[in-house]
Amino acid sequence: MLDFHIRRNWRSLTHGWQGIDWLLFWLPSLVVLFSCVLLNSVQRSMDEFRYDINHFIMGFISLGMALWIARQRYEALQQWKWIIYAIVNASLILVMLIGTIGSGAQSWIGIGGFYIQPSEFAKVGLIIALAAQLCRRDSSSVGGVVSALGITALPWLLIFIQPDLGTSLVFGVIVMGMLYWANCPLGWLILLTSPLVAAILFNVSIPVWILWSVVMGLIAWKTLPWRWFSSILATAINLISGKIGDIFWGLLQDYQKDRLILFLDPDKDPLGGGYHLIQSRIAIGSGQLWGQGLGEGTQTQLSFIPEQHTDFIFSAVGEEWGFIGCLVVLAVYLLICFRILIIAQNAKDDFGSLIAVGVFSMLVFQISVNIGMTIGLAPITGIPLPWMSYGRSALLTNFMALGLVQSVANYRHRLKFTD
């Protein structure tokens, strides 16, 4: 009898959680705890503000939010997509009107002593709106792709002019990843990214730029309707992208330009734009195999690396935990992304699958770029490392996105509303 009551109480307690991927909750939570340890070490050489305690508290609150979202039916978000989309754009416009400037960008809104970054939450809003649109319109058609790009264009532009280059790049990767998952032809995705490549090649090699433009014309001939028109248009767009690239380059702040090009040769400005990267590489290299030990990193403890509690926290991993510590962190991130991809494959409908892929694209890009920029393989774009970099808005956003993915997993076998 006692055993029966225990089983009944346990079923009652776990009702509504049967489909949850608990490992996908444990792994980010462990990353947050590990980050608190790193922040405690980093802040010894900084001011008295307790980044570690604040990160732990915000992580606990964010995890609770993710657990609550996982219990809600994600399907209901389809009918709210335009309201969510409107809130996203309204918040970004509000930033332009009353936002606070920090690190060269007007991206924050101050509320009661706290600073909120709407562009972080806009990532989740965009994923929901795009997923709802792509599951309704076929992305293998030109109209479907144009509608998806149209939804992305307004929030992307509002973020780009803040200017927040890093988040605008994340938006681009989200829409490309979701279009690919929604069966958009690969040739079309190449054509969508071709103007950016052409703008870069224009300043690198004129012959290669011309050859690239011709190849894009051939791809348009093979993949798009109205072959002659599409081929000429694709070639022309890539040919004029050099000038367009110069226009957009002029919209960037000087510090953003330095971030984009100095990673190729940071020694050109060792005391300016290249300083972050040089010090970060020294820190990671000095950690060698096992690291110098917690609180023993020279670069970390002597404050040689600016913004180490946010964008450059991975350099603390390399210096104090070494190559082995870096491998463990990378393995954890790889497992998190793999679990999300499995949920996307097993989702019961296209809407849920696209939500999971949108989150997957967002995380993979942020992890790759952040770690890449600390070791000199990517430009410094101000993209935080998920769950590890200090930042309330980013931490809450990542857990909210995780909650949405867990909702997709939780209800993938329950086709009827039974709760």
Protein backbone atom coordinates (compact mmCIF):
# COMPACT_ATOMS: atom_id res chain seq x y z
CA MET A 1 0.00 0.00 0.00
CA LEU A 2 2.82 2.40 0.89
CA ASP A 3 4.57 1.60 -2.37
CA PHE A 4 1.35 2.35 -4.28
CA HIS A 5 1.01 5.78 -2.64
CA ILE A 6 4.64 6.59 -3.37
CA ARG A 7 4.20 5.72 -7.05
CA ARG A 8 0.97 7.71 -7.28
CA ASN A 9 2.52 10.75 -5.63
CA TRP A 10 5.54 10.50 -7.89
CA ARG A 11 3.33 10.35 -11.00
CA SER A 12 1.42 13.38 -9.74
CA LEU A 13 4.67 15.26 -9.13
CA THR A 14 6.13 14.46 -12.54
CA HIS A 15 2.89 14.96 -14.48
CA GLY A 16 3.63 17.25 -17.41
CA TRP A 17 7.39 16.61 -17.29
CA GLN A 18 7.57 13.19 -18.94
CA GLY A 19 9.12 14.40 -22.18
CA ILE A 20 11.68 16.77 -20.67
CA ASP A 21 15.31 16.23 -21.62
CA TRP A 22 16.75 16.71 -18.13
CA LEU A 23 20.35 16.51 -19.34
CA LEU A 24 19.62 19.56 -21.46
CA PHE A 25 18.75 21.43 -18.26
CA TRP A 26 21.63 20.06 -16.18
CA LEU A 27 24.39 20.89 -18.64
CA PRO A 28 23.69 24.66 -18.98
CA SER A 29 23.13 24.82 -15.20
CA LEU A 30 26.59 23.32 -14.68
CA VAL A 31 28.02 25.87 -17.13
CA VAL A 32 26.46 28.65 -15.03
CA LEU A 33 27.97 27.22 -11.83
CA PHE A 34 31.36 26.89 -13.48
CA SER A 35 31.04 30.47 -14.70
CA CYS A 36 30.39 31.62 -11.12
CA VAL A 37 33.69 30.01 -10.10
CA LEU A 38 35.49 31.80 -12.94
CA LEU A 39 33.82 35.12 -12.16
CA ASN A 40 34.89 34.81 -8.54
CA SER A 41 38.48 34.40 -9.73
CA VAL A 42 38.27 37.18 -12.34
CA GLN A 43 36.66 39.77 -10.06
CA ARG A 44 39.50 39.61 -7.51
CA SER A 45 41.31 42.11 -9.69
CA MET A 46 38.20 44.21 -10.39
CA ASP A 47 35.76 46.33 -8.41
CA GLU A 48 33.76 45.11 -5.43
CA PHE A 49 30.63 44.25 -7.42
CA ARG A 50 29.92 40.54 -6.92
CA TYR A 51 29.53 39.27 -10.46
CA ASP A 52 29.59 35.65 -9.29
CA ILE A 53 26.71 36.02 -6.83
CA ASN A 54 24.62 38.07 -9.27
CA HIS A 55 25.27 35.53 -12.02
CA PHE A 56 24.19 32.68 -9.73
CA ILE A 57 20.99 34.46 -8.67
CA MET A 58 20.08 35.38 -12.23
CA GLY A 59 20.89 31.84 -13.37
CA PHE A 60 18.57 30.41 -10.71
CA ILE A 61 15.75 32.77 -11.75
CA SER A 62 16.34 32.04 -15.44
CA LEU A 63 16.30 28.29 -14.87
CA GLY A 64 12.95 28.65 -13.09
CA MET A 65 11.64 30.60 -16.09
CA ALA A 66 12.86 27.88 -18.45
CA LEU A 67 11.15 25.18 -16.37
CA TRP A 68 7.89 27.13 -16.47
CA ILE A 69 8.14 27.64 -20.25
CA ALA A 70 8.83 23.92 -20.72
CA ARG A 71 5.44 23.16 -19.12
CA GLN A 72 3.57 25.43 -21.55
CA ARG A 73 2.41 24.28 -24.96
CA TYR A 74 4.59 25.87 -27.59
CA GLU A 75 1.87 25.42 -30.26
CA ALA A 76 -0.09 28.29 -28.71
CA LEU A 77 2.66 30.71 -29.75
CA GLN A 78 1.64 30.38 -33.40
CA GLN A 79 -1.46 32.49 -32.90
CA TRP A 80 0.58 35.09 -30.98
CA LYS A 81 3.37 35.47 -33.55
CA TRP A 82 2.39 38.95 -34.78
CA ILE A 83 1.88 40.25 -31.25
CA ILE A 84 5.31 38.89 -30.25
CA TYR A 85 6.81 40.39 -33.41
CA ALA A 86 5.23 43.78 -32.67
CA ILE A 87 6.53 43.74 -29.08
CA VAL A 88 10.03 42.93 -30.35
CA ASN A 89 10.08 45.86 -32.76
CA ALA A 90 8.41 48.24 -30.29
CA SER A 91 11.09 47.46 -27.68
CA LEU A 92 13.87 48.07 -30.21
CA ILE A 93 12.32 51.40 -31.21
CA LEU A 94 12.03 52.30 -27.52
CA VAL A 95 15.77 51.71 -27.15
CA MET A 96 16.40 54.30 -29.86
CA LEU A 97 14.25 56.83 -28.01
CA ILE A 98 15.23 56.38 -24.35
CA GLY A 99 18.04 53.83 -24.45
CA THR A 100 21.29 54.07 -22.51
CA ILE A 101 24.61 54.10 -24.34
CA GLY A 102 27.24 51.57 -23.27
CA SER A 103 30.34 50.24 -25.07
CA GLY A 104 29.60 52.50 -28.01
CA ALA A 105 26.06 51.24 -28.63
CA GLN A 106 22.64 52.44 -27.53
CA SER A 107 21.30 48.99 -26.62
CA TRP A 108 20.05 49.14 -23.02
CA ILE A 109 16.97 50.42 -21.22
CA GLY A 110 17.31 51.28 -17.53
CA ILE A 111 14.44 50.12 -15.31
CA GLY A 112 14.66 50.54 -11.54
CA GLY A 113 18.43 50.28 -11.38
CA PHE A 114 18.54 47.31 -13.76
CA TYR A 115 19.56 47.48 -17.40
CA ILE A 116 17.67 45.38 -19.96
CA GLN A 117 18.96 44.67 -23.46
CA PRO A 118 15.89 44.21 -25.72
CA SER A 119 18.02 42.98 -28.63
CA GLU A 120 18.78 39.80 -26.65
CA PHE A 121 15.09 38.98 -26.15
CA ALA A 122 14.45 39.90 -29.79
CA LYS A 123 16.38 36.76 -30.80
CA VAL A 124 13.73 34.53 -29.22
CA GLY A 125 10.92 36.66 -30.62
CA LEU A 126 12.37 36.41 -34.12
CA ILE A 127 12.72 32.62 -33.84
CA ILE A 128 9.04 32.29 -32.88
CA ALA A 129 7.84 34.61 -35.66
CA LEU A 130 10.01 32.94 -38.31
CA ALA A 131 9.00 29.43 -37.22
CA ALA A 132 5.31 30.35 -37.44
CA GLN A 133 5.81 31.88 -40.90
CA LEU A 134 8.00 29.14 -42.36
CA CYS A 135 5.69 26.33 -41.29
CA ARG A 136 2.85 28.14 -43.08
CA ARG A 137 4.64 29.16 -46.29
CA ASP A 138 6.86 26.86 -48.34
CA SER A 139 10.45 28.12 -48.18
CA SER A 140 11.27 26.22 -51.37
CA SER A 141 9.33 28.98 -53.15
CA VAL A 142 10.62 32.49 -53.81
CA GLY A 143 7.60 33.97 -52.00
CA GLY A 144 8.29 31.93 -48.87
CA VAL A 145 11.93 33.06 -48.72
CA VAL A 146 11.01 36.70 -49.34
CA SER A 147 8.41 36.62 -46.55
CA ALA A 148 10.97 35.20 -44.10
CA LEU A 149 13.53 37.84 -45.06
CA GLY A 150 10.87 40.53 -44.76
CA ILE A 151 10.09 39.48 -41.18
CA THR A 152 13.78 39.57 -40.31
CA ALA A 153 14.56 42.87 -42.03
CA LEU A 154 12.92 45.35 -39.62
CA PRO A 155 14.34 44.09 -36.28
CA TRP A 156 17.70 43.47 -37.97
CA LEU A 157 17.84 47.07 -39.19
CA LEU A 158 16.80 48.47 -35.80
CA ILE A 159 19.59 46.50 -34.12
CA PHE A 160 22.20 47.31 -36.77
CA ILE A 161 21.74 51.07 -36.37
CA GLN A 162 22.10 50.97 -32.54
CA PRO A 163 24.82 49.92 -33.62
CA ASP A 164 24.99 46.31 -32.37
CA LEU A 165 26.91 44.45 -35.06
CA GLY A 166 27.23 41.20 -33.11
CA THR A 167 23.50 40.69 -32.54
CA SER A 168 22.69 41.69 -36.13
CA LEU A 169 25.01 38.89 -37.29
CA VAL A 170 23.20 36.45 -35.00
CA PHE A 171 19.90 37.44 -36.63
CA GLY A 172 21.34 36.65 -40.05
CA VAL A 173 22.53 33.22 -38.95
CA ILE A 174 19.16 32.42 -37.33
CA VAL A 175 17.19 33.14 -40.51
CA MET A 176 19.69 31.25 -42.70
CA GLY A 177 19.65 28.20 -40.45
CA MET A 178 15.87 28.12 -40.27
CA LEU A 179 15.52 28.59 -44.04
CA TYR A 180 17.89 25.68 -44.62
CA TRP A 181 15.90 23.46 -42.24
CA ALA A 182 12.67 24.50 -43.99
CA ASN A 183 14.00 23.06 -47.29
CA CYS A 184 15.21 26.26 -48.89
CA PRO A 185 17.49 25.27 -51.82
CA LEU A 186 21.17 25.50 -50.97
CA GLY A 187 21.85 27.59 -54.05
CA TRP A 188 19.43 30.24 -52.82
CA LEU A 189 21.17 30.41 -49.46
CA ILE A 190 24.49 30.92 -51.24
CA LEU A 191 22.96 33.72 -53.30
CA LEU A 192 21.59 35.37 -50.15
CA THR A 193 25.05 35.52 -48.58
CA SER A 194 26.89 36.29 -51.82
CA PRO A 195 26.69 40.13 -51.61
CA LEU A 196 28.54 40.08 -48.28
CA VAL A 197 31.24 37.84 -49.73
CA ALA A 198 31.46 40.03 -52.84
CA ALA A 199 31.89 43.16 -50.71
CA ILE A 200 34.81 41.52 -48.91
CA LEU A 201 36.41 40.20 -52.11
CA PHE A 202 36.16 43.65 -53.72
CA ASN A 203 38.69 44.92 -51.18
CA VAL A 204 40.88 41.81 -51.39
CA SER A 205 41.18 40.88 -55.06
CA ILE A 206 39.37 42.44 -58.03
CA PRO A 207 39.79 39.37 -60.33
CA VAL A 208 38.44 37.03 -57.64
CA TRP A 209 35.54 39.45 -57.03
CA ILE A 210 34.64 39.40 -60.75
CA LEU A 211 34.92 35.61 -60.89
CA TRP A 212 32.70 35.29 -57.81
CA SER A 213 30.05 37.52 -59.41
CA VAL A 214 30.03 35.39 -62.57
CA VAL A 215 29.70 32.17 -60.53
CA MET A 216 26.74 33.67 -58.64
CA GLY A 217 25.12 34.40 -61.99
CA LEU A 218 25.53 30.75 -62.97
CA ILE A 219 24.01 29.58 -59.68
CA ALA A 220 21.04 31.89 -60.25
CA TRP A 221 20.67 30.45 -63.77
CA LYS A 222 20.55 26.93 -62.36
CA THR A 223 18.30 27.48 -59.33
CA LEU A 224 15.97 30.45 -59.93
CA PRO A 225 13.01 30.96 -62.29
CA TRP A 226 13.26 33.49 -65.14
CA ARG A 227 16.81 32.32 -65.82
CA TRP A 228 18.16 35.20 -67.90
CA PHE A 229 16.74 37.89 -65.66
CA SER A 230 17.80 36.13 -62.44
CA SER A 231 21.31 35.46 -63.73
CA ILE A 232 21.88 39.06 -64.83
CA LEU A 233 20.39 40.41 -61.59
CA ALA A 234 22.54 38.14 -59.37
CA THR A 235 25.69 39.08 -61.27
CA ALA A 236 24.86 42.79 -61.12
CA ILE A 237 24.11 42.72 -57.38
CA ASN A 238 27.46 41.10 -56.64
CA LEU A 239 29.29 43.52 -58.93
CA ILE A 240 27.88 46.56 -57.14
CA SER A 241 28.29 45.04 -53.67
CA GLY A 242 31.78 46.54 -53.43
CA LYS A 243 30.31 50.03 -53.29
CA ILE A 244 27.45 48.91 -51.07
CA GLY A 245 30.03 47.40 -48.73
CA ASP A 246 31.82 50.75 -48.54
CA ILE A 247 28.54 52.46 -47.62
CA PHE A 248 27.79 50.01 -44.82
CA TRP A 249 31.42 50.16 -43.68
CA GLY A 250 31.01 53.91 -43.29
CA LEU A 251 28.02 53.36 -40.97
CA LEU A 252 30.18 51.47 -38.48
CA GLN A 253 31.93 53.11 -35.57
CA ASP A 254 35.73 53.18 -35.57
CA TYR A 255 35.94 50.66 -32.72
CA GLN A 256 33.68 48.27 -34.68
CA LYS A 257 35.90 48.53 -37.74
CA ASP A 258 38.91 47.68 -35.61
CA ARG A 259 37.10 44.69 -34.16
CA LEU A 260 36.35 43.31 -37.63
CA ILE A 261 39.82 43.57 -39.19
CA LEU A 262 42.45 43.64 -36.43
CA PHE A 263 42.01 39.95 -35.59
CA LEU A 264 43.93 39.26 -38.82
CA ASP A 265 46.97 41.16 -37.49
CA PRO A 266 46.45 42.51 -33.96
CA ASP A 267 50.11 43.60 -33.76
CA LYS A 268 49.24 46.54 -36.03
CA ASP A 269 47.67 48.24 -33.02
CA PRO A 270 48.96 46.39 -29.95
CA LEU A 271 47.91 49.09 -27.49
CA GLY A 272 44.56 49.84 -29.12
CA GLY A 273 42.14 47.64 -31.05
CA GLY A 274 44.47 44.63 -31.03
CA TYR A 275 45.13 44.74 -27.28
CA HIS A 276 42.21 42.48 -26.27
CA LEU A 277 43.17 39.71 -28.65
CA ILE A 278 46.89 39.81 -27.90
CA GLN A 279 46.34 39.54 -24.16
CA SER A 280 43.68 36.85 -24.60
CA ARG A 281 46.01 34.68 -26.69
CA ILE A 282 48.81 35.13 -24.15
CA ALA A 283 46.45 34.04 -21.36
CA ILE A 284 45.16 30.95 -23.16
CA GLY A 285 48.66 29.94 -24.28
CA SER A 286 50.11 30.34 -20.78
CA GLY A 287 47.59 27.83 -19.41
CA GLN A 288 49.28 25.02 -21.39
CA LEU A 289 47.83 21.55 -20.70
CA TRP A 290 46.40 21.71 -17.16
CA GLY A 291 46.27 25.45 -16.51
CA GLN A 292 47.92 27.62 -13.87
CA GLY A 293 45.24 26.92 -11.28
CA LEU A 294 42.16 28.74 -10.04
CA GLY A 295 43.05 32.29 -9.05
CA GLU A 296 46.64 31.85 -10.23
CA GLY A 297 46.40 33.16 -13.80
CA THR A 298 48.78 36.08 -14.30
CA GLN A 299 46.84 37.75 -17.10
CA THR A 300 43.57 37.30 -15.23
CA GLN A 301 44.67 38.42 -11.79
CA LEU A 302 46.61 41.44 -13.06
CA SER A 303 43.65 42.66 -15.17
CA PHE A 304 45.50 42.56 -18.48
CA ILE A 305 42.34 41.43 -20.31
CA PRO A 306 39.49 43.98 -20.48
CA GLU A 307 35.90 42.70 -20.30
CA GLN A 308 37.09 39.29 -19.10
CA HIS A 309 33.90 38.74 -17.10
CA THR A 310 31.80 39.12 -20.26
CA ASP A 311 33.08 38.63 -23.82
CA PHE A 312 36.53 37.24 -22.91
CA ILE A 313 35.68 34.85 -20.11
CA PHE A 314 36.91 31.88 -22.17
CA SER A 315 40.46 33.26 -21.86
CA ALA A 316 40.17 32.68 -18.10
CA VAL A 317 39.23 29.06 -18.81
CA GLY A 318 42.34 28.60 -20.93
CA GLU A 319 44.70 30.30 -18.48
CA GLU A 320 43.50 28.78 -15.21
CA TRP A 321 42.14 25.40 -16.41
CA GLY A 322 44.36 24.83 -19.43
CA PHE A 323 43.81 22.92 -22.65
CA ILE A 324 41.97 20.13 -20.82
CA GLY A 325 39.55 22.61 -19.27
CA CYS A 326 38.88 24.15 -22.68
CA LEU A 327 38.19 20.71 -24.16
CA VAL A 328 35.70 19.91 -21.38
CA VAL A 329 33.84 23.20 -21.93
CA LEU A 330 33.73 22.59 -25.68
CA ALA A 331 32.46 19.03 -25.12
CA VAL A 332 29.64 20.32 -22.90
CA TYR A 333 28.59 22.88 -25.51
CA LEU A 334 28.77 20.24 -28.23
CA LEU A 335 26.51 17.92 -26.24
CA ILE A 336 24.00 20.73 -25.57
CA CYS A 337 23.77 21.57 -29.27
CA PHE A 338 23.55 17.90 -30.23
CA ARG A 339 20.61 17.33 -27.84
CA ILE A 340 18.80 20.35 -29.29
CA LEU A 341 19.31 19.05 -32.82
CA ILE A 342 17.88 15.67 -31.83
CA ILE A 343 14.78 17.39 -30.42
CA ALA A 344 14.42 19.29 -33.71
CA GLN A 345 14.51 16.02 -35.64
CA ASN A 346 11.95 14.33 -33.38
CA ALA A 347 9.48 17.22 -33.06
CA LYS A 348 5.89 16.35 -33.84
CA ASP A 349 5.35 19.32 -36.17
CA ASP A 350 7.26 21.78 -38.34
CA PHE A 351 6.66 24.68 -35.96
CA GLY A 352 8.37 22.94 -33.05
CA SER A 353 11.18 21.64 -35.24
CA LEU A 354 11.89 25.12 -36.60
CA ILE A 355 11.93 26.64 -33.10
CA ALA A 356 14.55 24.11 -32.01
CA VAL A 357 16.66 24.72 -35.12
CA GLY A 358 16.45 28.48 -34.61
CA VAL A 359 17.80 28.08 -31.07
CA PHE A 360 20.43 25.63 -32.34
CA SER A 361 21.62 28.12 -34.99
CA MET A 362 21.76 30.94 -32.45
CA LEU A 363 23.80 28.96 -29.92
CA VAL A 364 26.23 27.38 -32.40
CA PHE A 365 27.06 30.75 -33.92
CA GLN A 366 27.48 32.53 -30.58
CA ILE A 367 29.68 29.76 -29.15
CA SER A 368 31.82 29.52 -32.29
CA VAL A 369 32.35 33.27 -32.70
CA ASN A 370 32.99 33.98 -29.01
CA ILE A 371 35.57 31.23 -28.60
CA GLY A 372 37.01 31.99 -32.03
CA MET A 373 37.57 35.64 -31.18
CA THR A 374 39.43 34.83 -27.96
CA ILE A 375 41.98 32.75 -29.88
CA GLY A 376 42.25 34.99 -32.95
CA LEU A 377 40.15 32.99 -35.42
CA ALA A 378 37.19 35.41 -35.56
CA PRO A 379 36.69 39.17 -35.34
CA ILE A 380 35.78 40.73 -32.00
CA THR A 381 32.04 41.36 -32.33
CA GLY A 382 30.90 41.58 -28.72
CA ILE A 383 28.97 38.29 -28.81
CA PRO A 384 28.79 36.72 -25.30
CA LEU A 385 29.48 33.07 -24.54
CA PRO A 386 26.10 31.44 -23.68
CA TRP A 387 25.51 30.80 -19.95
CA MET A 388 29.12 31.68 -19.15
CA SER A 389 29.58 35.37 -19.94
CA TYR A 390 28.16 37.71 -17.33
CA GLY A 391 25.01 39.50 -18.52
CA ARG A 392 21.50 39.30 -17.14
CA SER A 393 19.61 39.76 -20.41
CA ALA A 394 21.74 37.26 -22.32
CA LEU A 395 21.49 34.67 -19.54
CA LEU A 396 17.71 34.98 -19.30
CA THR A 397 17.36 34.87 -23.09
CA ASN A 398 19.38 31.68 -23.42
CA PHE A 399 17.36 29.93 -20.73
CA MET A 400 14.08 31.13 -22.28
CA ALA A 401 15.20 29.71 -25.61
CA LEU A 402 16.12 26.47 -23.86
CA GLY A 403 12.67 26.38 -22.26
CA LEU A 404 11.04 26.64 -25.69
CA VAL A 405 13.13 23.72 -26.96
CA GLN A 406 12.18 21.71 -23.87
CA SER A 407 8.51 22.46 -24.53
CA VAL A 408 8.94 21.00 -28.01
CA ALA A 409 10.50 17.90 -26.45
CA ASN A 410 7.95 17.69 -23.65
CA TYR A 411 4.92 17.65 -25.93
CA ARG A 412 6.29 15.81 -28.95
CA HIS A 413 4.20 12.68 -28.19
CA ARG A 414 1.12 14.38 -26.76
CA LEU A 415 -1.11 15.33 -29.65
CA LYS A 416 -4.15 16.24 -27.57
CA PHE A 417 -4.64 18.90 -24.95
CA THR A 418 -4.84 16.79 -21.83
CA ASP A 419 -3.42 19.05 -19.11
